[in-house]
Amino acid sequence: MAKEIWEIWLENKERRQKDFDKYLKLKKIKKEIEIKELVQGHINKADHNLKFVNSTLELKEFNDWAIVSAYYSIYHASLALCALKGYSTKDHLATLLILIKEFYQTKLNKEEIEMVSKTTIEKEEVLYYIQSKSQRTKASYSTNILFDK
């Protein structure tokens, strides 16, 4: 069974850097200067989406949209972490690459620790991100309307 690209990135720093440079060149990843505003904007959007998820789960009829919103809450939190390192992207795989490159098994300086209390990403958390994206795709594009919590 072939490995997913994100599994390769976890194991191979050189490949991770090569793909990162390629994504920069293709403008799938962009360098940013308005970091504080971008971080806060994504955190606000993640919180907003979570409020929607919580209110929707009470109805039990729209769990498909709760899944979609939960995924986007995770995604916006991930984009906030990318912005924290001075990057933006609108590509899900590029976002995952930045998270792995910048946060996977690394130490943070004091300012970063104050800004984000726990940002080191373990393999299980990367897998959760991937699984959430898969569930979001099913909830968004399938004809199913009933999903369990």
Protein backbone atom coordinates (compact mmCIF):
# COMPACT_ATOMS: atom_id res chain seq x y z
CA MET A 1 0.00 0.00 0.00
CA ALA A 2 1.44 3.36 -1.05
CA LYS A 3 1.97 6.02 1.58
CA GLU A 4 0.00 9.23 1.53
CA ILE A 5 2.08 12.34 0.81
CA TRP A 6 1.59 13.62 4.37
CA GLU A 7 3.07 10.37 5.72
CA ILE A 8 6.11 10.91 3.52
CA TRP A 9 6.40 14.50 4.80
CA LEU A 10 6.36 13.24 8.39
CA GLU A 11 9.25 10.89 7.71
CA ASN A 12 11.34 12.75 5.15
CA LYS A 13 12.54 16.30 5.92
CA GLU A 14 14.23 16.71 2.54
CA ARG A 15 11.07 15.78 0.64
CA ARG A 16 9.05 18.04 2.92
CA GLN A 17 11.35 21.00 2.17
CA LYS A 18 11.43 20.24 -1.57
CA ASP A 19 7.62 20.19 -1.75
CA PHE A 20 7.41 23.30 0.43
CA ASP A 21 9.70 25.19 -1.96
CA LYS A 22 7.63 23.94 -4.91
CA TYR A 23 4.39 25.11 -3.25
CA LEU A 24 5.96 28.54 -2.66
CA LYS A 25 6.98 28.77 -6.31
CA LEU A 26 3.49 27.72 -7.46
CA LYS A 27 1.99 30.27 -5.02
CA LYS A 28 0.02 27.58 -3.20
CA ILE A 29 1.81 28.93 -0.13
CA LYS A 30 2.31 32.67 0.24
CA LYS A 31 4.45 34.64 2.67
CA GLU A 32 2.47 37.11 4.77
CA ILE A 33 3.30 40.27 6.70
CA GLU A 34 -0.04 41.02 8.42
CA ILE A 35 0.48 38.09 10.76
CA LYS A 36 -1.33 39.23 13.91
CA GLU A 37 -4.49 40.22 12.05
CA LEU A 38 -4.49 37.02 10.00
CA VAL A 39 -4.02 34.81 13.06
CA GLN A 40 -6.84 36.57 14.92
CA GLY A 41 -9.14 36.46 11.90
CA HIS A 42 -8.75 32.70 11.53
CA ILE A 43 -9.22 32.14 15.26
CA ASN A 44 -12.41 34.22 15.17
CA LYS A 45 -13.71 32.22 12.21
CA ALA A 46 -12.87 28.91 13.94
CA ASP A 47 -14.78 30.05 17.06
CA HIS A 48 -17.72 31.20 14.94
CA ASN A 49 -17.88 27.81 13.19
CA LEU A 50 -17.74 25.98 16.53
CA LYS A 51 -20.70 28.02 17.81
CA PHE A 52 -22.63 26.92 14.74
CA VAL A 53 -21.63 23.28 15.34
CA ASN A 54 -22.83 23.42 18.94
CA SER A 55 -26.17 24.98 18.03
CA THR A 56 -26.67 22.56 15.13
CA LEU A 57 -25.95 19.44 17.18
CA GLU A 58 -28.88 20.29 19.45
CA LEU A 59 -31.22 19.97 16.44
CA LYS A 60 -29.90 16.48 15.49
CA GLU A 61 -31.29 16.96 12.00
CA PHE A 62 -28.27 18.66 10.44
CA ASN A 63 -25.31 16.60 11.63
CA ASP A 64 -23.95 16.62 8.07
CA TRP A 65 -23.51 20.40 8.31
CA ALA A 66 -22.14 20.05 11.82
CA ILE A 67 -19.40 17.82 10.36
CA VAL A 68 -18.66 20.35 7.62
CA SER A 69 -18.51 23.22 10.10
CA ALA A 70 -16.41 21.22 12.57
CA TYR A 71 -13.92 20.50 9.80
CA TYR A 72 -13.74 24.16 8.81
CA SER A 73 -13.23 25.11 12.44
CA ILE A 74 -10.21 22.80 12.52
CA TYR A 75 -9.08 24.16 9.16
CA HIS A 76 -9.27 27.80 10.27
CA ALA A 77 -7.38 26.96 13.46
CA SER A 78 -4.76 25.33 11.23
CA LEU A 79 -4.63 28.43 9.03
CA ALA A 80 -4.08 30.51 12.18
CA LEU A 81 -1.06 28.34 12.98
CA CYS A 82 0.22 28.80 9.42
CA ALA A 83 -0.21 32.57 9.76
CA LEU A 84 1.65 32.43 13.06
CA LYS A 85 4.65 31.31 11.03
CA GLY A 86 4.09 33.98 8.35
CA TYR A 87 2.28 31.91 5.70
CA SER A 88 -1.15 31.75 4.11
CA THR A 89 -2.71 29.23 1.78
CA LYS A 90 -6.07 28.25 0.36
CA ASP A 91 -4.95 24.72 -0.41
CA HIS A 92 -5.73 22.01 2.14
CA LEU A 93 -2.66 19.93 1.34
CA ALA A 94 -0.43 23.00 1.47
CA THR A 95 -1.90 23.81 4.89
CA LEU A 96 -1.04 20.34 6.09
CA LEU A 97 2.49 20.70 4.72
CA ILE A 98 3.02 23.96 6.63
CA LEU A 99 1.72 22.38 9.85
CA ILE A 100 4.04 19.43 9.50
CA LYS A 101 7.03 21.56 8.48
CA GLU A 102 6.62 24.21 11.15
CA PHE A 103 5.09 22.39 14.13
CA TYR A 104 5.62 18.66 13.95
CA GLN A 105 8.03 17.67 16.75
CA THR A 106 9.59 21.09 17.12
CA LYS A 107 10.21 23.38 20.05
CA LEU A 108 8.61 26.78 20.17
CA ASN A 109 10.09 29.99 21.53
CA LYS A 110 8.52 31.80 24.48
CA GLU A 111 6.42 34.23 22.41
CA GLU A 112 4.95 31.39 20.34
CA ILE A 113 4.16 29.40 23.46
CA GLU A 114 2.34 32.41 24.90
CA MET A 115 0.44 32.90 21.65
CA VAL A 116 -0.55 29.27 21.19
CA SER A 117 -0.50 27.14 24.32
CA LYS A 118 0.02 23.79 22.61
CA THR A 119 1.02 23.65 18.98
CA THR A 120 3.31 20.66 18.62
CA ILE A 121 1.47 18.31 16.33
CA GLU A 122 1.77 14.58 16.84
CA LYS A 123 1.16 12.02 14.10
CA GLU A 124 -2.27 11.18 15.56
CA GLU A 125 -3.30 14.84 15.29
CA VAL A 126 -2.20 14.97 11.66
CA LEU A 127 -4.23 11.81 11.04
CA TYR A 128 -7.25 13.43 12.75
CA TYR A 129 -6.95 16.41 10.40
CA ILE A 130 -6.91 14.04 7.40
CA GLN A 131 -9.90 12.06 8.69
CA SER A 132 -11.83 15.28 9.39
CA LYS A 133 -11.23 16.41 5.82
CA SER A 134 -12.55 13.07 4.56
CA GLN A 135 -15.68 13.36 6.72
CA ARG A 136 -16.19 16.95 5.57
CA THR A 137 -16.01 15.79 1.94
CA LYS A 138 -18.63 13.09 2.57
CA ALA A 139 -20.92 15.51 4.40
CA SER A 140 -20.53 18.20 1.72
CA TYR A 141 -20.77 16.18 -1.47
CA SER A 142 -22.64 12.96 -0.76
CA THR A 143 -26.40 12.67 -0.99
CA ASN A 144 -26.58 11.49 2.62
CA ILE A 145 -28.29 13.83 5.04
CA LEU A 146 -28.08 11.74 8.20
CA PHE A 147 -24.79 11.49 10.05
CA ASP A 148 -24.16 10.49 13.63
CA LYS A 149 -22.27 12.74 16.02
